[in-house]
Amino acid sequence: MLVRSWRFITIILAALTMGTAYCHVLELPAKMGYDGTLYTRLNTSLYWGFGHIGGLIEGATVFLAAPVLTFLVRKQRPTFGWTLAGTICLAFAFIVFLVFTEPMNREIFQWSIESVPAGWTQVRNQWEYSHAARFLLQLIGLCALQISILVETPIERSRDRLTPKVAHLTRH
C-alpha cells in the first residue's frame, strides 16, 4: 500500500510540475511576437505562482517523491527501470531550469518596462526555449512513471477465455 500511495503522490506532483512548463509552451508562440515592454510587463507580473508554488511542488517531486519512489521499487523489474528513467528526466528538467531558465529570471526581474535592454530578445529566447525543453523532459518523465505502472499490471487474457463463446456465436 505504501508503494501505491507514494506512486500516486509522485505522479500527481510530476503532472502538476509538468503543467507549469506546458503553460509556458502554450504561451510561447504569442510571446515571441510581443515587444520588449509587453514581454517585460508579463514576465515580471504573471509568474509569481509558477516560481513560488510551482517551484515548491517541483522541488518536492525532484528531491523527495521521485527518488523515494525509485528506492521503494528498486527490487521490482522492469518497474524500477521505468521509474528511474522518469526520475532522471525530472531531475534533468530541474537542471535545465537551474542552468538556463533561472539566470534569465534574475536578469528579467532587473528590467523595468521603461528600460528594456537592447539585447532582450536573446534573454527571451533562452527563457522561452528552456521552458520548452523542460516541458519535453517532464513529459517524458511523467510518461516513464506511468509506464512503470503498466509494466507491472498483469495483462488479462480475456481473448483466450472468450474464444469458445465467439466460436459458438459465429457458427449460427
Protein backbone atom coordinates (compact mmCIF):
# COMPACT_ATOMS: atom_id res chain seq x y z
CA MET A 1 0.00 0.00 0.00
CA LEU A 2 2.90 2.37 0.72
CA VAL A 3 4.28 1.97 -2.81
CA ARG A 4 0.88 2.58 -4.41
CA SER A 5 0.23 5.67 -2.31
CA TRP A 6 3.73 7.03 -2.88
CA ARG A 7 3.46 6.35 -6.62
CA PHE A 8 0.11 8.17 -6.75
CA ILE A 9 1.57 11.20 -4.96
CA THR A 10 4.66 11.20 -7.19
CA ILE A 11 2.64 11.07 -10.40
CA ILE A 12 0.31 13.85 -9.26
CA LEU A 13 3.27 16.04 -8.28
CA ALA A 14 5.06 15.30 -11.56
CA ALA A 15 1.88 16.16 -13.51
CA LEU A 16 1.49 19.46 -11.65
CA THR A 17 5.13 20.27 -12.27
CA MET A 18 4.78 19.47 -15.95
CA GLY A 19 1.64 21.62 -16.08
CA THR A 20 3.57 24.79 -15.38
CA ALA A 21 6.06 24.06 -18.16
CA TYR A 22 3.19 23.18 -20.51
CA CYS A 23 1.63 26.58 -19.84
CA HIS A 24 4.88 28.21 -20.96
CA VAL A 25 4.89 26.14 -24.15
CA LEU A 26 1.31 27.17 -24.94
CA GLU A 27 2.21 30.83 -24.40
CA LEU A 28 5.43 30.68 -26.40
CA PRO A 29 4.09 31.45 -29.91
CA ALA A 30 2.25 34.58 -28.78
CA LYS A 31 5.03 35.81 -26.51
CA MET A 32 7.62 35.54 -29.27
CA GLY A 33 5.71 38.30 -31.10
CA TYR A 34 5.47 40.73 -28.17
CA ASP A 35 7.56 43.86 -27.97
CA GLY A 36 10.03 44.25 -25.14
CA THR A 37 7.76 46.39 -22.99
CA LEU A 38 4.83 43.96 -23.04
CA TYR A 39 7.13 40.96 -22.63
CA THR A 40 8.74 42.55 -19.57
CA ARG A 41 5.40 43.53 -18.07
CA LEU A 42 4.11 39.96 -18.38
CA ASN A 43 7.24 38.23 -17.15
CA THR A 44 7.63 40.47 -14.13
CA SER A 45 4.00 40.23 -13.07
CA LEU A 46 2.39 37.00 -14.26
CA TYR A 47 4.59 34.20 -12.97
CA TRP A 48 4.73 34.64 -9.19
CA GLY A 49 2.78 31.40 -8.57
CA PHE A 50 4.90 29.47 -11.06
CA GLY A 51 8.04 30.14 -9.05
CA HIS A 52 6.72 30.17 -5.52
CA ILE A 53 4.09 27.44 -5.67
CA GLY A 54 5.21 25.52 -8.75
CA GLY A 55 8.81 25.67 -7.54
CA LEU A 56 7.89 24.07 -4.22
CA ILE A 57 5.97 21.33 -6.00
CA GLU A 58 8.85 20.72 -8.39
CA GLY A 59 11.31 20.58 -5.50
CA ALA A 60 9.11 18.07 -3.67
CA THR A 61 8.89 15.99 -6.85
CA VAL A 62 12.57 16.03 -7.81
CA PHE A 63 14.16 15.81 -4.36
CA LEU A 64 11.65 13.72 -2.41
CA ALA A 65 8.80 11.96 -4.19
CA ALA A 66 10.54 10.57 -7.28
CA PRO A 67 13.78 9.46 -5.56
CA VAL A 68 11.86 7.79 -2.71
CA LEU A 69 9.60 6.02 -5.22
CA THR A 70 12.68 4.84 -7.13
CA PHE A 71 14.08 3.44 -3.89
CA LEU A 72 10.79 1.77 -2.97
CA VAL A 73 10.58 -0.12 -6.29
CA ARG A 74 14.30 -0.90 -6.59
CA LYS A 75 13.73 -4.68 -6.50
CA GLN A 76 10.86 -4.74 -8.99
CA ARG A 77 11.97 -5.29 -12.57
CA PRO A 78 11.15 -3.72 -15.07
CA THR A 79 9.23 -1.21 -12.93
CA PHE A 80 12.46 0.05 -11.39
CA GLY A 81 13.99 0.91 -14.78
CA TRP A 82 10.99 2.96 -15.89
CA THR A 83 10.74 4.69 -12.52
CA LEU A 84 14.45 5.51 -12.58
CA ALA A 85 14.14 6.86 -16.13
CA GLY A 86 11.25 9.07 -15.05
CA THR A 87 13.16 10.32 -12.03
CA ILE A 88 16.22 11.11 -14.16
CA CYS A 89 14.15 13.04 -16.72
CA LEU A 90 12.52 15.09 -13.97
CA ALA A 91 15.95 15.79 -12.46
CA PHE A 92 17.31 16.88 -15.86
CA ALA A 93 14.34 19.22 -16.29
CA PHE A 94 15.28 20.82 -12.97
CA ILE A 95 18.92 21.11 -14.09
CA VAL A 96 17.75 22.87 -17.27
CA PHE A 97 15.89 25.31 -15.02
CA LEU A 98 18.98 25.98 -12.91
CA VAL A 99 21.37 26.37 -15.84
CA PHE A 100 19.22 28.08 -18.50
CA THR A 101 15.98 29.45 -17.04
CA GLU A 102 16.84 30.81 -13.61
CA PRO A 103 19.70 33.04 -14.81
CA MET A 104 17.25 34.64 -17.25
CA ASN A 105 14.67 35.04 -14.46
CA ARG A 106 17.22 37.02 -12.46
CA GLU A 107 18.02 39.19 -15.45
CA ILE A 108 14.41 39.83 -16.47
CA PHE A 109 13.46 40.86 -12.93
CA GLN A 110 16.05 43.64 -13.12
CA TRP A 111 14.27 45.18 -16.11
CA SER A 112 11.52 47.72 -15.96
CA ILE A 113 9.01 48.49 -18.69
CA GLU A 114 10.76 51.87 -19.11
CA SER A 115 14.20 50.30 -19.56
CA VAL A 116 14.18 47.10 -21.59
CA PRO A 117 17.77 46.31 -22.60
CA ALA A 118 18.79 46.26 -26.26
CA GLY A 119 19.60 42.53 -26.32
CA TRP A 120 16.40 41.49 -24.57
CA THR A 121 15.39 39.03 -27.32
CA GLN A 122 18.38 36.78 -26.56
CA VAL A 123 17.24 36.57 -22.94
CA ARG A 124 13.66 35.97 -24.06
CA ASN A 125 14.71 33.19 -26.42
CA GLN A 126 16.73 31.38 -23.77
CA TRP A 127 13.93 31.73 -21.22
CA GLU A 128 11.20 30.55 -23.59
CA TYR A 129 13.08 27.67 -25.21
CA SER A 130 14.45 26.42 -21.91
CA HIS A 131 10.85 26.10 -20.71
CA ALA A 132 10.03 24.12 -23.87
CA ALA A 133 12.97 21.79 -23.16
CA ARG A 134 11.83 21.42 -19.55
CA PHE A 135 8.33 20.52 -20.71
CA LEU A 136 9.65 17.83 -23.03
CA LEU A 137 11.81 16.31 -20.27
CA GLN A 138 8.94 16.46 -17.77
CA LEU A 139 6.54 14.87 -20.26
CA ILE A 140 8.98 12.03 -20.91
CA GLY A 141 9.50 11.65 -17.16
CA LEU A 142 5.78 11.52 -16.44
CA CYS A 143 5.25 9.01 -19.25
CA ALA A 144 8.03 6.81 -17.85
CA LEU A 145 6.43 6.90 -14.40
CA GLN A 146 3.12 5.87 -15.92
CA ILE A 147 4.74 3.10 -17.96
CA SER A 148 6.26 1.82 -14.72
CA ILE A 149 2.71 1.06 -13.61
CA LEU A 150 1.74 -0.55 -16.90
CA VAL A 151 4.70 -2.93 -16.96
CA GLU A 152 3.70 -4.42 -13.62
CA THR A 153 -0.01 -4.62 -14.40
CA PRO A 154 -0.94 -8.16 -15.45
CA ILE A 155 -2.37 -8.47 -18.91
CA GLU A 156 -5.75 -10.16 -18.74
CA ARG A 157 -6.16 -12.98 -21.18
CA SER A 158 -9.81 -12.23 -21.85
CA ARG A 159 -9.44 -13.12 -25.52
CA ASP A 160 -8.48 -16.69 -24.61
CA ARG A 161 -11.47 -17.05 -22.30
CA LEU A 162 -13.87 -15.63 -24.87
CA THR A 163 -12.74 -17.76 -27.79
CA PRO A 164 -15.25 -20.61 -27.22
CA LYS A 165 -18.13 -18.13 -26.91
CA VAL A 166 -17.06 -16.25 -30.02
CA ALA A 167 -16.73 -19.51 -31.95
CA HIS A 168 -20.19 -20.50 -30.82
CA LEU A 169 -21.67 -17.17 -31.89
CA THR A 170 -20.06 -17.24 -35.31
CA ARG A 171 -21.44 -20.70 -36.15
CA HIS A 172 -25.03 -19.54 -36.13
